[in-house]
């Protein structure tokens, strides 16, 4: 029961994070640079697709150009990968 409750907490937290990214309150680059605990296991493509006008195709193309697997969890990115990705993504201020 605790595992189900924890999984539900993570789902709700990610849904809120998706909403914040979609609304422009938070950029995907900010999440990548400093991921909240509940986002560490989230596949990178899920975060990218949370951005407005970023569907599956655009997200996959972006990741193909970086050489990072779309299923890689945000928490498993190296510091170098984090900074490279964040530099290539739009920030909330530029949207």
PDB file of N, CA and C in Angstrom:
ATOM      1  N   UNK A   1       0.824  -1.198   0.000  1.00  0.00           N
ATOM      2  CA  UNK A   1       0.000   0.000   0.000  1.00  0.00           C
ATOM      3  C   UNK A   1       0.870   1.265   0.000  1.00  0.00           C
ATOM      4  N   UNK A   2       1.991   1.197   0.740  1.00  0.00           N
ATOM      5  CA  UNK A   2       2.888   2.369   0.765  1.00  0.00           C
ATOM      6  C   UNK A   2       3.470   2.634  -0.608  1.00  0.00           C
ATOM      7  N   UNK A   3       3.792   1.564  -1.334  1.00  0.00           N
ATOM      8  CA  UNK A   3       4.358   1.729  -2.677  1.00  0.00           C
ATOM      9  C   UNK A   3       3.342   2.373  -3.616  1.00  0.00           C
ATOM     10  N   UNK A   4       2.097   1.969  -3.503  1.00  0.00           N
ATOM     11  CA  UNK A   4       1.054   2.572  -4.330  1.00  0.00           C
ATOM     12  C   UNK A   4       0.856   4.046  -3.980  1.00  0.00           C
ATOM     13  N   UNK A   5       0.898   4.341  -2.701  1.00  0.00           N
ATOM     14  CA  UNK A   5       0.747   5.729  -2.269  1.00  0.00           C
ATOM     15  C   UNK A   5       1.913   6.580  -2.779  1.00  0.00           C
ATOM     16  N   UNK A   6       3.121   6.035  -2.702  1.00  0.00           N
ATOM     17  CA  UNK A   6       4.304   6.759  -3.186  1.00  0.00           C
ATOM     18  C   UNK A   6       4.224   6.972  -4.701  1.00  0.00           C
ATOM     19  N   UNK A   7       3.802   5.943  -5.432  1.00  0.00           N
ATOM     20  CA  UNK A   7       3.671   6.062  -6.880  1.00  0.00           C
ATOM     21  C   UNK A   7       2.636   7.131  -7.239  1.00  0.00           C
ATOM     22  N   UNK A   8       1.568   7.210  -6.486  1.00  0.00           N
ATOM     23  CA  UNK A   8       0.551   8.224  -6.727  1.00  0.00           C
ATOM     24  C   UNK A   8       1.098   9.623  -6.447  1.00  0.00           C
ATOM     25  N   UNK A   9       1.881   9.770  -5.399  1.00  0.00           N
ATOM     26  CA  UNK A   9       2.507  11.062  -5.087  1.00  0.00           C
ATOM     27  C   UNK A   9       3.406  11.515  -6.240  1.00  0.00           C
ATOM     28  N   UNK A  10       4.196  10.585  -6.756  1.00  0.00           N
ATOM     29  CA  UNK A  10       5.107  10.901  -7.857  1.00  0.00           C
ATOM     30  C   UNK A  10       4.318  11.296  -9.099  1.00  0.00           C
ATOM     31  N   UNK A  11       3.264  10.554  -9.401  1.00  0.00           N
ATOM     32  CA  UNK A  11       2.424  10.885 -10.564  1.00  0.00           C
ATOM     33  C   UNK A  11       1.829  12.287 -10.443  1.00  0.00           C
ATOM     34  N   UNK A  12       1.317  12.602  -9.271  1.00  0.00           N
ATOM     35  CA  UNK A  12       0.725  13.920  -9.059  1.00  0.00           C
ATOM     36  C   UNK A  12       1.771  15.026  -9.147  1.00  0.00           C
ATOM     37  N   UNK A  13       2.943  14.779  -8.592  1.00  0.00           N
ATOM     38  CA  UNK A  13       4.014  15.778  -8.634  1.00  0.00           C
ATOM     39  C   UNK A  13       4.494  15.999 -10.066  1.00  0.00           C
ATOM     40  N   UNK A  14       4.601  14.928 -10.831  1.00  0.00           N
ATOM     41  CA  UNK A  14       5.018  15.071 -12.235  1.00  0.00           C
ATOM     42  C   UNK A  14       3.948  15.782 -13.054  1.00  0.00           C
ATOM     43  N   UNK A  15       2.694  15.521 -12.768  1.00  0.00           N
ATOM     44  CA  UNK A  15       1.611  16.204 -13.470  1.00  0.00           C
ATOM     45  C   UNK A  15       1.677  17.708 -13.202  1.00  0.00           C
ATOM     46  N   UNK A  16       1.950  18.082 -11.969  1.00  0.00           N
ATOM     47  CA  UNK A  16       2.102  19.500 -11.628  1.00  0.00           C
ATOM     48  C   UNK A  16       3.311  20.098 -12.338  1.00  0.00           C
ATOM     49  N   UNK A  17       4.390  19.356 -12.388  1.00  0.00           N
ATOM     50  CA  UNK A  17       5.595  19.819 -13.075  1.00  0.00           C
ATOM     51  C   UNK A  17       5.325  19.983 -14.572  1.00  0.00           C
ATOM     52  N   UNK A  18       4.613  19.028 -15.164  1.00  0.00           N
ATOM     53  CA  UNK A  18       4.227  19.128 -16.582  1.00  0.00           C
ATOM     54  C   UNK A  18       3.400  20.385 -16.827  1.00  0.00           C
ATOM     55  N   UNK A  19       2.471  20.672 -15.933  1.00  0.00           N
ATOM     56  CA  UNK A  19       1.633  21.855 -16.060  1.00  0.00           C
ATOM     57  C   UNK A  19       2.473  23.130 -15.985  1.00  0.00           C
ATOM     58  N   UNK A  20       3.414  23.174 -15.041  1.00  0.00           N
ATOM     59  CA  UNK A  20       4.263  24.356 -14.894  1.00  0.00           C
ATOM     60  C   UNK A  20       5.124  24.583 -16.132  1.00  0.00           C
ATOM     61  N   UNK A  21       5.647  23.508 -16.706  1.00  0.00           N
ATOM     62  CA  UNK A  21       6.457  23.627 -17.916  1.00  0.00           C
ATOM     63  C   UNK A  21       5.578  24.084 -19.082  1.00  0.00           C
ATOM     64  N   UNK A  22       4.408  23.503 -19.216  1.00  0.00           N
ATOM     65  CA  UNK A  22       3.496  23.868 -20.305  1.00  0.00           C
ATOM     66  C   UNK A  22       3.042  25.317 -20.191  1.00  0.00           C
ATOM     67  N   UNK A  23       2.838  25.802 -18.988  1.00  0.00           N
ATOM     68  CA  UNK A  23       2.382  27.176 -18.769  1.00  0.00           C
ATOM     69  C   UNK A  23       3.516  28.198 -18.837  1.00  0.00           C
ATOM     70  N   UNK A  24       4.756  27.729 -18.910  1.00  0.00           N
ATOM     71  CA  UNK A  24       5.888  28.641 -18.982  1.00  0.00           C
ATOM     72  C   UNK A  24       6.362  29.150 -17.632  1.00  0.00           C
ATOM     73  N   UNK A  25       5.800  28.634 -16.549  1.00  0.00           N
ATOM     74  CA  UNK A  25       6.241  29.029 -15.212  1.00  0.00           C
ATOM     75  C   UNK A  25       7.647  28.511 -14.925  1.00  0.00           C
ATOM     76  N   UNK A  26       7.986  27.418 -15.567  1.00  0.00           N
ATOM     77  CA  UNK A  26       9.252  26.731 -15.369  1.00  0.00           C
ATOM     78  C   UNK A  26       9.704  26.229 -16.725  1.00  0.00           C
ATOM     79  N   UNK A  27      10.982  26.333 -17.016  1.00  0.00           N
ATOM     80  CA  UNK A  27      11.452  25.824 -18.308  1.00  0.00           C
ATOM     81  C   UNK A  27      11.990  24.409 -18.146  1.00  0.00           C
ATOM     82  N   UNK A  28      12.004  23.685 -19.249  1.00  0.00           N
ATOM     83  CA  UNK A  28      12.559  22.330 -19.232  1.00  0.00           C
ATOM     84  C   UNK A  28      14.039  22.392 -18.874  1.00  0.00           C
ATOM     85  N   UNK A  29      14.718  23.443 -19.307  1.00  0.00           N
ATOM     86  CA  UNK A  29      16.139  23.606 -18.993  1.00  0.00           C
ATOM     87  C   UNK A  29      16.351  23.723 -17.483  1.00  0.00           C
ATOM     88  N   UNK A  30      15.466  24.450 -16.809  1.00  0.00           N
ATOM     89  CA  UNK A  30      15.575  24.589 -15.353  1.00  0.00           C
ATOM     90  C   UNK A  30      15.384  23.245 -14.660  1.00  0.00           C
ATOM     91  N   UNK A  31      14.448  22.450 -15.152  1.00  0.00           N
ATOM     92  CA  UNK A  31      14.194  21.132 -14.562  1.00  0.00           C
ATOM     93  C   UNK A  31      15.398  20.218 -14.787  1.00  0.00           C
ATOM     94  N   UNK A  32      15.997  20.299 -15.961  1.00  0.00           N
ATOM     95  CA  UNK A  32      17.156  19.458 -16.258  1.00  0.00           C
ATOM     96  C   UNK A  32      18.344  19.837 -15.387  1.00  0.00           C
ATOM     97  N   UNK A  33      18.566  21.126 -15.192  1.00  0.00           N
ATOM     98  CA  UNK A  33      19.705  21.577 -14.396  1.00  0.00           C
ATOM     99  C   UNK A  33      19.547  21.276 -12.914  1.00  0.00           C
ATOM    100  N   UNK A  34      18.327  21.374 -12.414  1.00  0.00           N
ATOM    101  CA  UNK A  34      18.073  21.109 -10.992  1.00  0.00           C
ATOM    102  C   UNK A  34      16.784  20.302 -10.854  1.00  0.00           C
ATOM    103  N   UNK A  35      16.850  19.003 -11.164  1.00  0.00           N
ATOM    104  CA  UNK A  35      15.613  18.208 -11.131  1.00  0.00           C
ATOM    105  C   UNK A  35      15.107  17.978  -9.713  1.00  0.00           C
ATOM    106  N   UNK A  36      13.799  18.168  -9.512  1.00  0.00           N
ATOM    107  CA  UNK A  36      13.219  17.810  -8.227  1.00  0.00           C
ATOM    108  C   UNK A  36      13.318  16.290  -8.032  1.00  0.00           C
ATOM    109  N   UNK A  37      13.227  15.865  -6.813  1.00  0.00           N
ATOM    110  CA  UNK A  37      13.396  14.444  -6.496  1.00  0.00           C
ATOM    111  C   UNK A  37      12.421  13.561  -7.274  1.00  0.00           C
ATOM    112  N   UNK A  38      11.185  13.994  -7.406  1.00  0.00           N
ATOM    113  CA  UNK A  38      10.172  13.182  -8.085  1.00  0.00           C
ATOM    114  C   UNK A  38      10.382  13.136  -9.600  1.00  0.00           C
ATOM    115  N   UNK A  39      11.248  13.978 -10.138  1.00  0.00           N
ATOM    116  CA  UNK A  39      11.490  13.995 -11.585  1.00  0.00           C
ATOM    117  C   UNK A  39      12.739  13.209 -11.980  1.00  0.00           C
ATOM    118  N   UNK A  40      13.491  12.730 -11.029  1.00  0.00           N
ATOM    119  CA  UNK A  40      14.754  12.055 -11.335  1.00  0.00           C
ATOM    120  C   UNK A  40      14.569  10.775 -12.142  1.00  0.00           C
ATOM    121  N   UNK A  41      13.487  10.064 -11.955  1.00  0.00           N
ATOM    122  CA  UNK A  41      13.250   8.826 -12.695  1.00  0.00           C
ATOM    123  C   UNK A  41      12.424   9.019 -13.956  1.00  0.00           C
ATOM    124  N   UNK A  42      12.044  10.253 -14.222  1.00  0.00           N
ATOM    125  CA  UNK A  42      11.200  10.598 -15.366  1.00  0.00           C
ATOM    126  C   UNK A  42      12.011  10.526 -16.653  1.00  0.00           C
ATOM    127  N   UNK A  43      11.551   9.805 -17.662  1.00  0.00           N
ATOM    128  CA  UNK A  43      12.279   9.770 -18.939  1.00  0.00           C
ATOM    129  C   UNK A  43      12.367  11.170 -19.546  1.00  0.00           C
ATOM    130  N   UNK A  44      13.493  11.471 -20.113  1.00  0.00           N
ATOM    131  CA  UNK A  44      13.768  12.791 -20.666  1.00  0.00           C
ATOM    132  C   UNK A  44      12.727  13.221 -21.695  1.00  0.00           C
ATOM    133  N   UNK A  45      12.272  12.292 -22.508  1.00  0.00           N
ATOM    134  CA  UNK A  45      11.296  12.649 -23.542  1.00  0.00           C
ATOM    135  C   UNK A  45       9.982  13.127 -22.932  1.00  0.00           C
ATOM    136  N   UNK A  46       9.621  12.610 -21.776  1.00  0.00           N
ATOM    137  CA  UNK A  46       8.404  13.065 -21.105  1.00  0.00           C
ATOM    138  C   UNK A  46       8.483  14.533 -20.724  1.00  0.00           C
ATOM    139  N   UNK A  47       9.638  14.961 -20.251  1.00  0.00           N
ATOM    140  CA  UNK A  47       9.835  16.370 -19.915  1.00  0.00           C
ATOM    141  C   UNK A  47       9.794  17.231 -21.165  1.00  0.00           C
ATOM    142  N   UNK A  48      10.489  16.815 -22.205  1.00  0.00           N
ATOM    143  CA  UNK A  48      10.523  17.604 -23.430  1.00  0.00           C
ATOM    144  C   UNK A  48       9.136  17.769 -24.035  1.00  0.00           C
ATOM    145  N   UNK A  49       8.355  16.713 -23.995  1.00  0.00           N
ATOM    146  CA  UNK A  49       7.009  16.765 -24.566  1.00  0.00           C
ATOM    147  C   UNK A  49       6.049  17.609 -23.724  1.00  0.00           C
ATOM    148  N   UNK A  50       6.444  17.967 -22.519  1.00  0.00           N
ATOM    149  CA  UNK A  50       5.617  18.829 -21.675  1.00  0.00           C
ATOM    150  C   UNK A  50       5.627  20.270 -22.160  1.00  0.00           C
ATOM    151  N   UNK A  51       6.629  20.631 -22.934  1.00  0.00           N
ATOM    152  CA  UNK A  51       6.731  21.992 -23.447  1.00  0.00           C
ATOM    153  C   UNK A  51       5.673  22.226 -24.515  1.00  0.00           C
ATOM    154  N   UNK A  52       5.205  23.435 -24.601  1.00  0.00           N
ATOM    155  CA  UNK A  52       4.237  23.778 -25.644  1.00  0.00           C
ATOM    156  C   UNK A  52       4.874  23.585 -27.011  1.00  0.00           C
ATOM    157  N   UNK A  53       4.116  23.005 -27.918  1.00  0.00           N
ATOM    158  CA  UNK A  53       4.510  22.758 -29.303  1.00  0.00           C
ATOM    159  C   UNK A  53       5.693  21.798 -29.437  1.00  0.00           C
ATOM    160  N   UNK A  54       5.908  20.949 -28.428  1.00  0.00           N
ATOM    161  CA  UNK A  54       6.936  19.925 -28.494  1.00  0.00           C
ATOM    162  C   UNK A  54       6.242  18.569 -28.420  1.00  0.00           C
ATOM    163  N   UNK A  55       6.001  17.996 -29.562  1.00  0.00           N
ATOM    164  CA  UNK A  55       5.404  16.673 -29.610  1.00  0.00           C
ATOM    165  C   UNK A  55       6.474  15.597 -29.611  1.00  0.00           C
ATOM    166  N   UNK A  56       6.038  14.393 -29.903  1.00  0.00           N
ATOM    167  CA  UNK A  56       6.951  13.253 -29.891  1.00  0.00           C
ATOM    168  C   UNK A  56       8.039  13.382 -30.959  1.00  0.00           C
ATOM    169  N   UNK A  57       7.660  13.803 -32.150  1.00  0.00           N
ATOM    170  CA  UNK A  57       8.615  13.893 -33.255  1.00  0.00           C
ATOM    171  C   UNK A  57       9.674  14.954 -32.976  1.00  0.00           C
ATOM    172  N   UNK A  58       9.252  16.138 -32.572  1.00  0.00           N
ATOM    173  CA  UNK A  58      10.210  17.218 -32.296  1.00  0.00           C
ATOM    174  C   UNK A  58      11.153  16.840 -31.151  1.00  0.00           C
ATOM    175  N   UNK A  59      10.613  16.206 -30.126  1.00  0.00           N
ATOM    176  CA  UNK A  59      11.426  15.790 -28.983  1.00  0.00           C
ATOM    177  C   UNK A  59      12.444  14.721 -29.389  1.00  0.00           C
ATOM    178  N   UNK A  60      11.998  13.754 -30.196  1.00  0.00           N
ATOM    179  CA  UNK A  60      12.908  12.690 -30.648  1.00  0.00           C
ATOM    180  C   UNK A  60      14.007  13.254 -31.537  1.00  0.00           C
ATOM    181  N   UNK A  61      13.660  14.188 -32.420  1.00  0.00           N
ATOM    182  CA  UNK A  61      14.667  14.815 -33.286  1.00  0.00           C
ATOM    183  C   UNK A  61      15.705  15.565 -32.459  1.00  0.00           C
ATOM    184  N   UNK A  62      15.219  16.308 -31.485  1.00  0.00           N
ATOM    185  CA  UNK A  62      16.115  17.064 -30.618  1.00  0.00           C
ATOM    186  C   UNK A  62      17.094  16.132 -29.916  1.00  0.00           C
ATOM    187  N   UNK A  63      16.577  15.043 -29.350  1.00  0.00           N
ATOM    188  CA  UNK A  63      17.435  14.103 -28.630  1.00  0.00           C
ATOM    189  C   UNK A  63      18.357  13.336 -29.569  1.00  0.00           C
ATOM    190  N   UNK A  64      17.918  13.064 -30.787  1.00  0.00           N
ATOM    191  CA  UNK A  64      18.778  12.377 -31.762  1.00  0.00           C
ATOM    192  C   UNK A  64      19.992  13.238 -32.089  1.00  0.00           C
ATOM    193  N   UNK A  65      19.787  14.548 -32.150  1.00  0.00           N
ATOM    194  CA  UNK A  65      20.911  15.454 -32.422  1.00  0.00           C
ATOM    195  C   UNK A  65      21.888  15.541 -31.256  1.00  0.00           C
ATOM    196  N   UNK A  66      21.423  15.247 -30.053  1.00  0.00           N
ATOM    197  CA  UNK A  66      22.301  15.308 -28.885  1.00  0.00           C
ATOM    198  C   UNK A  66      22.974  13.968 -28.603  1.00  0.00           C
ATOM    199  N   UNK A  67      22.421  12.890 -29.162  1.00  0.00           N
ATOM    200  CA  UNK A  67      22.991  11.572 -28.923  1.00  0.00           C
ATOM    201  C   UNK A  67      22.575  10.945 -27.608  1.00  0.00           C
ATOM    202  N   UNK A  68      21.542  11.480 -26.980  1.00  0.00           N
ATOM    203  CA  UNK A  68      21.061  10.956 -25.697  1.00  0.00           C
ATOM    204  C   UNK A  68      19.785  10.164 -25.939  1.00  0.00           C
ATOM    205  N   UNK A  69      19.703   8.995 -25.327  1.00  0.00           N
ATOM    206  CA  UNK A  69      18.528   8.125 -25.473  1.00  0.00           C
ATOM    207  C   UNK A  69      17.307   8.801 -24.861  1.00  0.00           C
ATOM    208  N   UNK A  70      16.197   8.744 -25.570  1.00  0.00           N
ATOM    209  CA  UNK A  70      14.975   9.397 -25.109  1.00  0.00           C
ATOM    210  C   UNK A  70      14.431   8.800 -23.822  1.00  0.00           C
ATOM    211  N   UNK A  71      14.768   7.557 -23.542  1.00  0.00           N
ATOM    212  CA  UNK A  71      14.272   6.894 -22.333  1.00  0.00           C
ATOM    213  C   UNK A  71      15.163   7.131 -21.115  1.00  0.00           C
ATOM    214  N   UNK A  72      16.257   7.837 -21.301  1.00  0.00           N
ATOM    215  CA  UNK A  72      17.184   8.069 -20.191  1.00  0.00           C
ATOM    216  C   UNK A  72      16.501   8.916 -19.112  1.00  0.00           C
ATOM    217  N   UNK A  73      16.551   8.456 -17.862  1.00  0.00           N
ATOM    218  CA  UNK A  73      15.936   9.234 -16.783  1.00  0.00           C
ATOM    219  C   UNK A  73      16.686  10.554 -16.567  1.00  0.00           C
ATOM    220  N   UNK A  74      15.959  11.577 -16.200  1.00  0.00           N
ATOM    221  CA  UNK A  74      16.559  12.885 -15.975  1.00  0.00           C
ATOM    222  C   UNK A  74      17.647  12.803 -14.903  1.00  0.00           C
ATOM    223  N   UNK A  75      17.422  12.011 -13.879  1.00  0.00           N
ATOM    224  CA  UNK A  75      18.397  11.884 -12.792  1.00  0.00           C
ATOM    225  C   UNK A  75      19.669  11.159 -13.189  1.00  0.00           C
ATOM    226  N   UNK A  76      19.670  10.461 -14.322  1.00  0.00           N
ATOM    227  CA  UNK A  76      20.851   9.710 -14.759  1.00  0.00           C
ATOM    228  C   UNK A  76      21.750  10.521 -15.696  1.00  0.00           C
ATOM    229  N   UNK A  77      21.362  11.754 -15.986  1.00  0.00           N
ATOM    230  CA  UNK A  77      22.187  12.587 -16.857  1.00  0.00           C
ATOM    231  C   UNK A  77      23.445  13.042 -16.121  1.00  0.00           C
ATOM    232  N   UNK A  78      24.546  13.102 -16.853  1.00  0.00           N
ATOM    233  CA  UNK A  78      25.776  13.624 -16.259  1.00  0.00           C
ATOM    234  C   UNK A  78      25.689  15.148 -16.224  1.00  0.00           C
ATOM    235  N   UNK A  79      26.564  15.781 -15.470  1.00  0.00           N
ATOM    236  CA  UNK A  79      26.586  17.243 -15.411  1.00  0.00           C
ATOM    237  C   UNK A  79      26.806  17.841 -16.792  1.00  0.00           C
ATOM    238  N   UNK A  80      27.691  17.239 -17.541  1.00  0.00           N
ATOM    239  CA  UNK A  80      27.976  17.737 -18.887  1.00  0.00           C
ATOM    240  C   UNK A  80      26.734  17.638 -19.777  1.00  0.00           C
ATOM    241  N   UNK A  81      26.046  16.502 -19.717  1.00  0.00           N
ATOM    242  CA  UNK A  81      24.827  16.333 -20.497  1.00  0.00           C
ATOM    243  C   UNK A  81      23.767  17.345 -20.082  1.00  0.00           C
ATOM    244  N   UNK A  82      23.646  17.570 -18.779  1.00  0.00           N
ATOM    245  CA  UNK A  82      22.667  18.539 -18.272  1.00  0.00           C
ATOM    246  C   UNK A  82      22.921  19.934 -18.856  1.00  0.00           C
ATOM    247  N   UNK A  83      24.170  20.356 -18.777  1.00  0.00           N
ATOM    248  CA  UNK A  83      24.506  21.697 -19.253  1.00  0.00           C
ATOM    249  C   UNK A  83      24.375  21.813 -20.767  1.00  0.00           C
ATOM    250  N   UNK A  84      24.759  20.775 -21.486  1.00  0.00           N
ATOM    251  CA  UNK A  84      24.619  20.796 -22.948  1.00  0.00           C
ATOM    252  C   UNK A  84      23.150  20.878 -23.361  1.00  0.00           C
ATOM    253  N   UNK A  85      22.305  20.050 -22.724  1.00  0.00           N
ATOM    254  CA  UNK A  85      20.881  20.069 -23.041  1.00  0.00           C
ATOM    255  C   UNK A  85      20.246  21.410 -22.680  1.00  0.00           C
ATOM    256  N   UNK A  86      20.555  21.902 -21.490  1.00  0.00           N
ATOM    257  CA  UNK A  86      19.965  23.160 -21.037  1.00  0.00           C
ATOM    258  C   UNK A  86      20.353  24.321 -21.953  1.00  0.00           C
ATOM    259  N   UNK A  87      21.574  24.295 -22.470  1.00  0.00           N
ATOM    260  CA  UNK A  87      22.019  25.362 -23.356  1.00  0.00           C
ATOM    261  C   UNK A  87      21.267  25.352 -24.689  1.00  0.00           C
ATOM    262  N   UNK A  88      20.803  24.197 -25.113  1.00  0.00           N
ATOM    263  CA  UNK A  88      20.109  24.067 -26.394  1.00  0.00           C
ATOM    264  C   UNK A  88      18.597  24.263 -26.295  1.00  0.00           C
ATOM    265  N   UNK A  89      18.069  24.240 -25.080  1.00  0.00           N
ATOM    266  CA  UNK A  89      16.620  24.376 -24.890  1.00  0.00           C
ATOM    267  C   UNK A  89      16.231  25.824 -24.649  1.00  0.00           C
ATOM    268  N   UNK A  90      15.001  26.183 -25.054  1.00  0.00           N
ATOM    269  CA  UNK A  90      14.521  27.540 -24.752  1.00  0.00           C
ATOM    270  C   UNK A  90      14.291  27.693 -23.262  1.00  0.00           C
ATOM    271  N   UNK A  91      14.516  28.881 -22.744  1.00  0.00           N
ATOM    272  CA  UNK A  91      14.251  29.141 -21.330  1.00  0.00           C
ATOM    273  C   UNK A  91      12.875  29.782 -21.202  1.00  0.00           C
ATOM    274  N   UNK A  92      12.358  29.818 -20.002  1.00  0.00           N
ATOM    275  CA  UNK A  92      11.019  30.380 -19.779  1.00  0.00           C
ATOM    276  C   UNK A  92      10.965  31.843 -20.187  1.00  0.00           C
ATOM    277  N   UNK A  93      12.056  32.573 -20.018  1.00  0.00           N
ATOM    278  CA  UNK A  93      12.077  34.004 -20.345  1.00  0.00           C
ATOM    279  C   UNK A  93      12.023  34.220 -21.860  1.00  0.00           C
ATOM    280  N   UNK A  94      12.601  33.319 -22.643  1.00  0.00           N
ATOM    281  CA  UNK A  94      12.643  33.477 -24.096  1.00  0.00           C
ATOM    282  C   UNK A  94      11.363  33.037 -24.766  1.00  0.00           C
ATOM    283  N   UNK A  95      10.537  32.236 -24.095  1.00  0.00           N
ATOM    284  CA  UNK A  95       9.290  31.741 -24.700  1.00  0.00           C
ATOM    285  C   UNK A  95       8.368  32.898 -24.816  1.00  0.00           C
TER     286      UNK A  95
END
